[in-house]
Amino acid sequence: MKKQILILLTITAFITAVVSCKKIASSLFGGFDTTVDFQLAIPVVPIVSPFELPLGQFQYTFNLDSIVKAKTAGAFGAKDVQSIKVKEFNINIINPDQQNNLANFQSVRVTIHSNTNTSPTELFAVTFPDTYASTFTTGGNNSELLSYLKGSDITYTLYGKNRRSTSKPLNITISVIVRAS
């Protein structure tokens, strides 16, 4: 009987130690910031529409586990990430001019969906001032993106409502700074 109790106590201690180690490892994962850049070409928008229009789509191949391992020297993986949220967006028109820049657009928004979560969610929505600008920075909207970024095929869709037509395609770089924790 003493032997069985001793074995049971040993097994219980071992299980407790393993669970505690996992909790300690999870608490040590402090998180990190990383930047994802993508480029879009907004086609010529020859008319001013009273409605928001889709302006382009970008597909991105993503491996959350590889990124986490690279950022943590292999100490952590995707399973250790509990949350991913956007900290900041930077929009930059590469080929602006006086007639074709961010002021042509009243508003822009970007949505995301992936092969693991096909319900689109809004990453950000901004309203631009009616003054010349080729860059714009805004904070994130606090959307939880982990279920999307667990996928390998990410799709971003850009929508916009213009206030003036454009006469040339606009090449845009969007940098998304995300916080994984």
N, C-alpha and C. Protein backbone atom coordinates (compact mmCIF):
# COMPACT_ATOMS: atom_id res chain seq x y z
N MET A 1 0.82 -1.19 0.00
CA MET A 1 0.00 0.00 0.00
C MET A 1 0.86 1.26 0.00
N LYS A 2 1.93 1.25 0.81
CA LYS A 2 2.83 2.40 0.86
C LYS A 2 3.47 2.64 -0.50
N LYS A 3 3.77 1.54 -1.20
CA LYS A 3 4.40 1.65 -2.51
C LYS A 3 3.46 2.34 -3.49
N GLN A 4 2.18 2.00 -3.46
CA GLN A 4 1.19 2.60 -4.37
C GLN A 4 1.00 4.08 -4.06
N ILE A 5 0.97 4.44 -2.82
CA ILE A 5 0.84 5.84 -2.44
C ILE A 5 2.07 6.62 -2.88
N LEU A 6 3.25 6.03 -2.69
CA LEU A 6 4.49 6.67 -3.11
C LEU A 6 4.51 6.87 -4.63
N ILE A 7 4.08 5.88 -5.38
CA ILE A 7 4.02 6.00 -6.84
C ILE A 7 3.02 7.08 -7.23
N LEU A 8 1.86 7.09 -6.61
CA LEU A 8 0.83 8.10 -6.90
C LEU A 8 1.33 9.50 -6.59
N LEU A 9 2.01 9.67 -5.47
CA LEU A 9 2.57 10.98 -5.12
C LEU A 9 3.66 11.39 -6.10
N THR A 10 4.47 10.46 -6.54
CA THR A 10 5.53 10.76 -7.50
C THR A 10 4.93 11.21 -8.83
N ILE A 11 3.93 10.50 -9.29
CA ILE A 11 3.25 10.86 -10.56
C ILE A 11 2.60 12.23 -10.43
N THR A 12 1.94 12.49 -9.32
CA THR A 12 1.30 13.79 -9.10
C THR A 12 2.33 14.91 -9.08
N ALA A 13 3.44 14.69 -8.41
CA ALA A 13 4.51 15.70 -8.36
C ALA A 13 5.08 15.96 -9.75
N PHE A 14 5.26 14.89 -10.53
CA PHE A 14 5.80 15.02 -11.88
C PHE A 14 4.84 15.83 -12.76
N ILE A 15 3.56 15.52 -12.72
CA ILE A 15 2.56 16.24 -13.52
C ILE A 15 2.51 17.70 -13.09
N THR A 16 2.53 17.96 -11.82
CA THR A 16 2.52 19.34 -11.32
C THR A 16 3.75 20.09 -11.81
N ALA A 17 4.91 19.45 -11.78
CA ALA A 17 6.15 20.10 -12.23
C ALA A 17 6.08 20.42 -13.72
N VAL A 18 5.56 19.50 -14.53
CA VAL A 18 5.46 19.74 -15.98
C VAL A 18 4.51 20.89 -16.27
N VAL A 19 3.35 20.89 -15.61
CA VAL A 19 2.38 21.97 -15.82
C VAL A 19 2.97 23.30 -15.36
N SER A 20 3.66 23.30 -14.23
CA SER A 20 4.27 24.53 -13.72
C SER A 20 5.34 25.04 -14.67
N CYS A 21 6.14 24.14 -15.24
CA CYS A 21 7.17 24.56 -16.19
C CYS A 21 6.56 25.23 -17.41
N LYS A 22 5.46 24.67 -17.89
CA LYS A 22 4.79 25.28 -19.05
C LYS A 22 4.25 26.65 -18.70
N LYS A 23 3.70 26.79 -17.49
CA LYS A 23 3.19 28.10 -17.07
C LYS A 23 4.33 29.10 -16.93
N ILE A 24 5.45 28.65 -16.39
CA ILE A 24 6.61 29.53 -16.25
C ILE A 24 7.11 29.95 -17.62
N ALA A 25 7.22 28.99 -18.54
CA ALA A 25 7.69 29.32 -19.90
C ALA A 25 6.75 30.31 -20.57
N SER A 26 5.44 30.10 -20.40
CA SER A 26 4.48 31.03 -21.00
C SER A 26 4.60 32.42 -20.39
N SER A 27 4.85 32.48 -19.08
CA SER A 27 4.98 33.79 -18.44
C SER A 27 6.27 34.50 -18.85
N LEU A 28 7.28 33.74 -19.25
CA LEU A 28 8.54 34.35 -19.68
C LEU A 28 8.45 34.93 -21.09
N PHE A 29 7.50 34.46 -21.89
CA PHE A 29 7.33 34.97 -23.25
C PHE A 29 6.81 36.40 -23.15
N GLY A 30 7.70 37.34 -23.33
CA GLY A 30 7.34 38.74 -23.16
C GLY A 30 6.70 39.35 -24.38
N GLY A 31 6.73 38.66 -25.49
CA GLY A 31 6.15 39.20 -26.70
C GLY A 31 7.17 40.00 -27.49
N PHE A 32 6.76 40.43 -28.66
CA PHE A 32 7.64 41.21 -29.54
C PHE A 32 6.80 41.95 -30.56
N ASP A 33 7.43 42.95 -31.17
CA ASP A 33 6.83 43.67 -32.28
C ASP A 33 7.49 43.20 -33.56
N THR A 34 6.73 43.14 -34.62
CA THR A 34 7.29 42.82 -35.92
C THR A 34 6.53 43.62 -36.98
N THR A 35 7.19 43.87 -38.09
CA THR A 35 6.60 44.67 -39.17
C THR A 35 6.37 43.79 -40.38
N VAL A 36 5.18 43.92 -40.95
CA VAL A 36 4.82 43.24 -42.19
C VAL A 36 4.58 44.32 -43.23
N ASP A 37 5.33 44.26 -44.32
CA ASP A 37 5.18 45.24 -45.40
C ASP A 37 4.54 44.57 -46.61
N PHE A 38 3.65 45.29 -47.25
CA PHE A 38 3.14 44.81 -48.53
C PHE A 38 2.87 45.98 -49.44
N GLN A 39 2.91 45.70 -50.73
CA GLN A 39 2.71 46.75 -51.73
C GLN A 39 1.46 46.46 -52.54
N LEU A 40 0.77 47.52 -52.87
CA LEU A 40 -0.43 47.46 -53.71
C LEU A 40 -0.32 48.50 -54.80
N ALA A 41 -0.92 48.22 -55.92
CA ALA A 41 -1.05 49.24 -56.96
C ALA A 41 -2.53 49.55 -57.07
N ILE A 42 -2.89 50.78 -56.73
CA ILE A 42 -4.28 51.21 -56.87
C ILE A 42 -4.46 51.64 -58.32
N PRO A 43 -5.41 51.02 -59.01
CA PRO A 43 -5.60 51.39 -60.41
C PRO A 43 -6.14 52.82 -60.54
N VAL A 44 -6.12 53.33 -61.74
CA VAL A 44 -6.70 54.65 -62.00
C VAL A 44 -8.17 54.60 -61.59
N VAL A 45 -8.61 55.62 -60.86
CA VAL A 45 -10.02 55.74 -60.48
C VAL A 45 -10.54 56.97 -61.22
N PRO A 46 -11.14 56.76 -62.43
CA PRO A 46 -11.46 57.89 -63.31
C PRO A 46 -12.70 58.69 -62.92
N ILE A 47 -13.52 58.15 -62.01
CA ILE A 47 -14.74 58.87 -61.60
C ILE A 47 -14.77 58.96 -60.08
N VAL A 48 -15.57 59.89 -59.61
CA VAL A 48 -15.78 60.00 -58.17
C VAL A 48 -17.08 59.27 -57.86
N SER A 49 -16.97 58.21 -57.10
CA SER A 49 -18.13 57.39 -56.76
C SER A 49 -18.69 57.83 -55.43
N PRO A 50 -20.01 57.79 -55.29
CA PRO A 50 -20.59 58.10 -53.97
C PRO A 50 -20.42 56.94 -52.99
N PHE A 51 -19.88 55.82 -53.48
CA PHE A 51 -19.72 54.62 -52.67
C PHE A 51 -18.25 54.26 -52.50
N GLU A 52 -18.00 53.51 -51.49
CA GLU A 52 -16.68 52.93 -51.28
C GLU A 52 -16.45 51.86 -52.35
N LEU A 53 -15.23 51.82 -52.90
CA LEU A 53 -14.88 50.86 -53.94
C LEU A 53 -13.73 49.97 -53.50
N PRO A 54 -13.72 48.70 -53.93
CA PRO A 54 -12.53 47.87 -53.68
C PRO A 54 -11.38 48.38 -54.55
N LEU A 55 -10.23 48.60 -53.96
CA LEU A 55 -9.10 49.19 -54.68
C LEU A 55 -7.94 48.22 -54.91
N GLY A 56 -8.00 47.06 -54.34
CA GLY A 56 -6.93 46.09 -54.55
C GLY A 56 -6.89 45.05 -53.46
N GLN A 57 -6.24 43.96 -53.78
CA GLN A 57 -6.12 42.86 -52.85
C GLN A 57 -4.68 42.36 -52.89
N PHE A 58 -4.19 41.96 -51.73
CA PHE A 58 -2.83 41.46 -51.64
C PHE A 58 -2.85 40.16 -50.87
N GLN A 59 -2.22 39.14 -51.42
CA GLN A 59 -2.12 37.87 -50.71
C GLN A 59 -0.70 37.71 -50.18
N TYR A 60 -0.61 37.20 -48.98
CA TYR A 60 0.65 37.13 -48.27
C TYR A 60 0.77 35.73 -47.67
N THR A 61 1.89 35.09 -47.88
CA THR A 61 2.16 33.80 -47.25
C THR A 61 2.82 34.07 -45.92
N PHE A 62 2.35 33.41 -44.89
CA PHE A 62 2.73 33.75 -43.53
C PHE A 62 2.99 32.47 -42.74
N ASN A 63 4.03 32.47 -41.91
CA ASN A 63 4.31 31.34 -41.04
C ASN A 63 4.59 31.88 -39.65
N LEU A 64 3.56 31.92 -38.84
CA LEU A 64 3.66 32.49 -37.50
C LEU A 64 4.72 31.77 -36.67
N ASP A 65 4.75 30.46 -36.74
CA ASP A 65 5.71 29.70 -35.94
C ASP A 65 7.15 30.10 -36.28
N SER A 66 7.47 30.23 -37.55
CA SER A 66 8.83 30.61 -37.96
C SER A 66 9.18 32.01 -37.49
N ILE A 67 8.22 32.93 -37.57
CA ILE A 67 8.48 34.31 -37.13
C ILE A 67 8.73 34.35 -35.62
N VAL A 68 7.90 33.65 -34.85
CA VAL A 68 8.07 33.63 -33.39
C VAL A 68 9.42 33.01 -33.04
N LYS A 69 9.76 31.91 -33.67
CA LYS A 69 11.05 31.26 -33.38
C LYS A 69 12.22 32.18 -33.76
N ALA A 70 12.12 32.86 -34.89
CA ALA A 70 13.19 33.78 -35.30
C ALA A 70 13.33 34.95 -34.34
N LYS A 71 12.22 35.48 -33.85
CA LYS A 71 12.26 36.63 -32.95
C LYS A 71 12.68 36.26 -31.53
N THR A 72 12.58 34.96 -31.18
CA THR A 72 12.90 34.54 -29.81
C THR A 72 14.07 33.55 -29.77
N ALA A 73 14.88 33.54 -30.82
CA ALA A 73 16.04 32.64 -30.91
C ALA A 73 15.64 31.18 -30.68
N GLY A 74 14.47 30.82 -31.16
CA GLY A 74 14.01 29.43 -31.06
C GLY A 74 13.44 29.03 -29.72
N ALA A 75 13.38 29.95 -28.77
CA ALA A 75 12.90 29.61 -27.42
C ALA A 75 11.39 29.42 -27.37
N PHE A 76 10.66 30.07 -28.26
CA PHE A 76 9.20 29.99 -28.26
C PHE A 76 8.70 29.74 -29.66
N GLY A 77 7.46 29.27 -29.75
CA GLY A 77 6.83 29.02 -31.05
C GLY A 77 5.44 29.63 -31.07
N ALA A 78 4.71 29.38 -32.14
CA ALA A 78 3.37 29.95 -32.31
C ALA A 78 2.43 29.57 -31.17
N LYS A 79 2.62 28.37 -30.61
CA LYS A 79 1.74 27.92 -29.53
C LYS A 79 1.85 28.79 -28.28
N ASP A 80 2.95 29.55 -28.15
CA ASP A 80 3.15 30.41 -26.98
C ASP A 80 2.51 31.79 -27.15
N VAL A 81 2.08 32.11 -28.34
CA VAL A 81 1.47 33.42 -28.61
C VAL A 81 0.00 33.36 -28.20
N GLN A 82 -0.42 34.30 -27.38
CA GLN A 82 -1.79 34.37 -26.91
C GLN A 82 -2.61 35.46 -27.61
N SER A 83 -1.89 36.44 -28.19
CA SER A 83 -2.58 37.59 -28.78
C SER A 83 -1.69 38.25 -29.83
N ILE A 84 -2.32 38.71 -30.90
CA ILE A 84 -1.63 39.53 -31.90
C ILE A 84 -2.55 40.69 -32.24
N LYS A 85 -2.04 41.90 -32.03
CA LYS A 85 -2.82 43.10 -32.32
C LYS A 85 -1.96 44.10 -33.06
N VAL A 86 -2.61 44.93 -33.86
CA VAL A 86 -1.90 45.94 -34.64
C VAL A 86 -1.57 47.12 -33.75
N LYS A 87 -0.32 47.55 -33.80
CA LYS A 87 0.11 48.75 -33.08
C LYS A 87 0.00 49.98 -33.97
N GLU A 88 0.41 49.82 -35.25
CA GLU A 88 0.50 50.99 -36.11
C GLU A 88 0.46 50.58 -37.58
N PHE A 89 -0.10 51.48 -38.39
CA PHE A 89 -0.09 51.34 -39.85
C PHE A 89 0.59 52.56 -40.44
N ASN A 90 1.42 52.31 -41.44
CA ASN A 90 2.05 53.40 -42.18
C ASN A 90 1.70 53.21 -43.65
N ILE A 91 1.10 54.22 -44.25
CA ILE A 91 0.74 54.19 -45.66
C ILE A 91 1.66 55.16 -46.38
N ASN A 92 2.27 54.69 -47.47
CA ASN A 92 3.19 55.53 -48.22
C ASN A 92 2.93 55.36 -49.71
N ILE A 93 2.60 56.45 -50.39
CA ILE A 93 2.47 56.41 -51.85
C ILE A 93 3.87 56.62 -52.42
N ILE A 94 4.30 55.69 -53.24
CA ILE A 94 5.65 55.73 -53.79
C ILE A 94 5.76 56.73 -54.94
N ASN A 95 4.68 56.92 -55.70
CA ASN A 95 4.73 57.79 -56.89
C ASN A 95 3.69 58.91 -56.85
N PRO A 96 3.66 59.72 -55.77
CA PRO A 96 2.65 60.78 -55.71
C PRO A 96 3.01 61.97 -56.61
N ASP A 97 2.03 62.77 -56.93
CA ASP A 97 2.25 64.08 -57.53
C ASP A 97 1.13 64.98 -57.04
N GLN A 98 1.10 66.23 -57.49
CA GLN A 98 0.11 67.20 -57.00
C GLN A 98 -1.33 66.79 -57.30
N GLN A 99 -1.55 66.04 -58.39
CA GLN A 99 -2.91 65.63 -58.76
C GLN A 99 -3.26 64.23 -58.28
N ASN A 100 -2.29 63.47 -57.81
CA ASN A 100 -2.52 62.07 -57.42
C ASN A 100 -1.77 61.78 -56.13
N ASN A 101 -2.51 61.87 -55.01
CA ASN A 101 -1.92 61.62 -53.70
C ASN A 101 -3.03 61.21 -52.74
N LEU A 102 -2.75 61.13 -51.47
CA LEU A 102 -3.75 60.68 -50.50
C LEU A 102 -4.96 61.60 -50.42
N ALA A 103 -4.80 62.87 -50.76
CA ALA A 103 -5.92 63.81 -50.71
C ALA A 103 -7.01 63.45 -51.72
N ASN A 104 -6.69 62.64 -52.72
CA ASN A 104 -7.71 62.20 -53.68
C ASN A 104 -8.74 61.30 -53.01
N PHE A 105 -8.39 60.76 -51.86
CA PHE A 105 -9.27 59.81 -51.18
C PHE A 105 -9.84 60.41 -49.91
N GLN A 106 -11.14 60.26 -49.76
CA GLN A 106 -11.80 60.71 -48.54
C GLN A 106 -11.50 59.73 -47.42
N SER A 107 -11.58 58.45 -47.73
CA SER A 107 -11.33 57.44 -46.70
C SER A 107 -10.78 56.16 -47.34
N VAL A 108 -10.11 55.39 -46.50
CA VAL A 108 -9.55 54.10 -46.90
C VAL A 108 -9.69 53.15 -45.72
N ARG A 109 -9.93 51.90 -46.03
CA ARG A 109 -9.92 50.88 -44.98
C ARG A 109 -9.33 49.60 -45.54
N VAL A 110 -8.79 48.77 -44.64
CA VAL A 110 -8.19 47.50 -45.03
C VAL A 110 -8.81 46.41 -44.18
N THR A 111 -9.19 45.31 -44.84
CA THR A 111 -9.69 44.14 -44.14
C THR A 111 -8.72 42.98 -44.34
N ILE A 112 -8.83 41.98 -43.48
CA ILE A 112 -7.99 40.79 -43.55
C ILE A 112 -8.86 39.56 -43.39
N HIS A 113 -8.50 38.50 -44.11
CA HIS A 113 -9.03 37.17 -43.85
C HIS A 113 -7.94 36.16 -44.21
N SER A 114 -8.11 34.93 -43.78
CA SER A 114 -7.07 33.92 -44.04
C SER A 114 -7.71 32.56 -44.25
N ASN A 115 -6.87 31.58 -44.50
CA ASN A 115 -7.36 30.23 -44.69
C ASN A 115 -7.82 29.60 -43.37
N THR A 116 -7.49 30.20 -42.23
CA THR A 116 -7.97 29.68 -40.95
C THR A 116 -9.13 30.48 -40.38
N ASN A 117 -9.36 31.67 -40.88
CA ASN A 117 -10.52 32.47 -40.47
C ASN A 117 -10.95 33.27 -41.69
N THR A 118 -12.03 32.81 -42.32
CA THR A 118 -12.47 33.40 -43.59
C THR A 118 -13.43 34.57 -43.41
N SER A 119 -13.79 34.89 -42.17
CA SER A 119 -14.65 36.05 -41.91
C SER A 119 -13.77 37.30 -41.88
N PRO A 120 -13.92 38.21 -42.84
CA PRO A 120 -13.06 39.40 -42.85
C PRO A 120 -13.24 40.25 -41.59
N THR A 121 -12.13 40.80 -41.14
CA THR A 121 -12.18 41.77 -40.04
C THR A 121 -11.43 43.01 -40.49
N GLU A 122 -11.83 44.14 -39.98
CA GLU A 122 -11.21 45.41 -40.36
C GLU A 122 -9.93 45.64 -39.58
N LEU A 123 -8.85 45.87 -40.31
CA LEU A 123 -7.58 46.20 -39.66
C LEU A 123 -7.53 47.67 -39.29
N PHE A 124 -7.95 48.52 -40.22
CA PHE A 124 -8.01 49.94 -39.91
C PHE A 124 -8.91 50.64 -40.92
N ALA A 125 -9.40 51.78 -40.51
CA ALA A 125 -10.18 52.67 -41.37
C ALA A 125 -9.75 54.09 -41.04
N VAL A 126 -9.42 54.87 -42.06
CA VAL A 126 -8.96 56.24 -41.83
C VAL A 126 -9.67 57.18 -42.77
N THR A 127 -9.77 58.42 -42.33
CA THR A 127 -10.27 59.51 -43.16
C THR A 127 -9.09 60.45 -43.37
N PHE A 128 -8.83 60.78 -44.63
CA PHE A 128 -7.70 61.64 -44.96
C PHE A 128 -8.12 63.10 -45.04
N PRO A 129 -7.26 64.00 -44.63
CA PRO A 129 -7.55 65.42 -44.82
C PRO A 129 -7.45 65.76 -46.31
N ASP A 130 -8.10 66.82 -46.70
CA ASP A 130 -8.09 67.23 -48.12
C ASP A 130 -6.90 68.16 -48.38
N THR A 131 -5.72 67.67 -48.04
CA THR A 131 -4.47 68.39 -48.31
C THR A 131 -3.45 67.38 -48.84
N TYR A 132 -2.53 67.88 -49.65
CA TYR A 132 -1.54 66.99 -50.25
C TYR A 132 -0.82 66.18 -49.17
N ALA A 133 -0.71 64.87 -49.41
CA ALA A 133 0.05 63.99 -48.53
C ALA A 133 0.43 62.74 -49.30
N SER A 134 1.63 62.27 -49.03
CA SER A 134 2.05 61.00 -49.63
C SER A 134 2.23 59.92 -48.57
N THR A 135 2.18 60.31 -47.30
CA THR A 135 2.30 59.34 -46.22
C THR A 135 1.24 59.62 -45.15
N PHE A 136 0.89 58.57 -44.43
CA PHE A 136 -0.08 58.71 -43.36
C PHE A 136 0.19 57.59 -42.36
N THR A 137 0.14 57.90 -41.08
CA THR A 137 0.34 56.92 -40.02
C THR A 137 -0.84 56.95 -39.07
N THR A 138 -1.30 55.76 -38.66
CA THR A 138 -2.41 55.67 -37.72
C THR A 138 -2.19 54.46 -36.81
N GLY A 139 -2.80 54.50 -35.66
CA GLY A 139 -2.71 53.38 -34.72
C GLY A 139 -3.65 52.26 -35.11
N GLY A 140 -3.47 51.13 -34.47
CA GLY A 140 -4.35 49.98 -34.71
C GLY A 140 -5.69 50.17 -34.04
N ASN A 141 -6.63 49.30 -34.38
CA ASN A 141 -7.98 49.42 -33.83
C ASN A 141 -8.27 48.39 -32.75
N ASN A 142 -7.24 47.71 -32.27
CA ASN A 142 -7.34 46.75 -31.17
C ASN A 142 -8.02 45.43 -31.55
N SER A 143 -8.15 45.14 -32.86
CA SER A 143 -8.72 43.86 -33.29
C SER A 143 -7.76 42.73 -32.98
N GLU A 144 -8.29 41.62 -32.51
CA GLU A 144 -7.47 40.43 -32.24
C GLU A 144 -7.27 39.67 -33.56
N LEU A 145 -6.02 39.45 -33.94
CA LEU A 145 -5.69 38.86 -35.23
C LEU A 145 -5.12 37.45 -35.15
N LEU A 146 -4.97 36.91 -33.96
CA LEU A 146 -4.31 35.61 -33.81
C LEU A 146 -4.97 34.52 -34.65
N SER A 147 -6.29 34.45 -34.65
CA SER A 147 -6.96 33.38 -35.41
C SER A 147 -6.71 33.51 -36.91
N TYR A 148 -6.47 34.73 -37.39
CA TYR A 148 -6.17 34.94 -38.80
C TYR A 148 -4.72 34.57 -39.11
N LEU A 149 -3.82 34.95 -38.23
CA LEU A 149 -2.39 34.78 -38.49
C LEU A 149 -1.88 33.38 -38.15
N LYS A 150 -2.75 32.53 -37.63
CA LYS A 150 -2.39 31.12 -37.49
C LYS A 150 -2.45 30.44 -38.85
N GLY A 151 -3.07 31.10 -39.81
CA GLY A 151 -3.14 30.56 -41.16
C GLY A 151 -1.87 30.83 -41.93
N SER A 152 -1.76 30.21 -43.08
CA SER A 152 -0.57 30.41 -43.90
C SER A 152 -0.84 31.32 -45.09
N ASP A 153 -2.10 31.48 -45.47
CA ASP A 153 -2.47 32.32 -46.61
C ASP A 153 -3.33 33.47 -46.12
N ILE A 154 -2.73 34.66 -46.07
CA ILE A 154 -3.40 35.85 -45.57
C ILE A 154 -3.78 36.73 -46.76
N THR A 155 -5.00 37.28 -46.73
CA THR A 155 -5.45 38.16 -47.80
C THR A 155 -5.87 39.49 -47.20
N TYR A 156 -5.25 40.57 -47.69
CA TYR A 156 -5.62 41.93 -47.32
C TYR A 156 -6.41 42.52 -48.47
N THR A 157 -7.48 43.24 -48.15
CA THR A 157 -8.27 43.92 -49.18
C THR A 157 -8.35 45.40 -48.83
N LEU A 158 -8.06 46.25 -49.81
CA LEU A 158 -8.07 47.69 -49.64
C LEU A 158 -9.33 48.26 -50.27
N TYR A 159 -10.05 49.08 -49.53
CA TYR A 159 -11.26 49.76 -50.01
C TYR A 159 -11.04 51.25 -49.86
N GLY A 160 -11.67 52.03 -50.72
CA GLY A 160 -11.55 53.47 -50.59
C GLY A 160 -12.72 54.21 -51.19
N LYS A 161 -12.95 55.39 -50.67
CA LYS A 161 -13.94 56.32 -51.24
C LYS A 161 -13.15 57.55 -51.64
N ASN A 162 -13.21 57.85 -52.93
CA ASN A 162 -12.40 58.98 -53.39
C ASN A 162 -13.21 60.27 -53.41
N ARG A 163 -12.49 61.38 -53.26
CA ARG A 163 -13.12 62.70 -53.36
C ARG A 163 -12.78 63.34 -54.70
N ARG A 164 -11.70 62.84 -55.34
CA ARG A 164 -11.31 63.28 -56.69
C ARG A 164 -10.84 62.07 -57.46
N SER A 165 -10.94 62.13 -58.77
CA SER A 165 -10.44 61.04 -59.61
C SER A 165 -8.92 61.04 -59.60
N THR A 166 -8.35 59.93 -60.00
CA THR A 166 -6.89 59.84 -60.17
C THR A 166 -6.61 59.62 -61.65
N SER A 167 -5.44 60.05 -62.09
CA SER A 167 -5.11 59.94 -63.50
C SER A 167 -4.00 58.93 -63.77
N LYS A 168 -3.52 58.28 -62.72
CA LYS A 168 -2.49 57.25 -62.89
C LYS A 168 -2.62 56.24 -61.76
N PRO A 169 -2.10 55.03 -61.98
CA PRO A 169 -2.08 54.06 -60.87
C PRO A 169 -1.17 54.58 -59.76
N LEU A 170 -1.54 54.33 -58.54
CA LEU A 170 -0.74 54.75 -57.39
C LEU A 170 -0.14 53.51 -56.73
N ASN A 171 1.17 53.51 -56.63
CA ASN A 171 1.89 52.41 -55.98
C ASN A 171 2.02 52.74 -54.49
N ILE A 172 1.48 51.85 -53.67
CA ILE A 172 1.41 52.10 -52.23
C ILE A 172 2.13 50.99 -51.47
N THR A 173 2.88 51.40 -50.46
CA THR A 173 3.45 50.46 -49.51
C THR A 173 2.71 50.66 -48.19
N ILE A 174 2.24 49.57 -47.62
CA ILE A 174 1.61 49.61 -46.30
C ILE A 174 2.48 48.79 -45.36
N SER A 175 2.91 49.43 -44.28
CA SER A 175 3.68 48.74 -43.24
C SER A 175 2.78 48.59 -42.03
N VAL A 176 2.66 47.35 -41.58
CA VAL A 176 1.81 47.04 -40.43
C VAL A 176 2.73 46.57 -39.31
N ILE A 177 2.72 47.29 -38.20
CA ILE A 177 3.50 46.89 -37.03
C ILE A 177 2.55 46.18 -36.08
N VAL A 178 2.84 44.90 -35.82
CA VAL A 178 1.98 44.10 -34.94
C VAL A 178 2.72 43.74 -33.66
N ARG A 179 1.97 43.55 -32.61
CA ARG A 179 2.49 43.15 -31.31
C ARG A 179 2.00 41.74 -31.01
N ALA A 180 2.93 40.82 -30.87
CA ALA A 180 2.60 39.45 -30.49
C ALA A 180 2.92 39.30 -29.01
N SER A 181 1.98 38.81 -28.26
CA SER A 181 2.24 38.60 -26.82
C SER A 181 1.57 37.32 -26.35
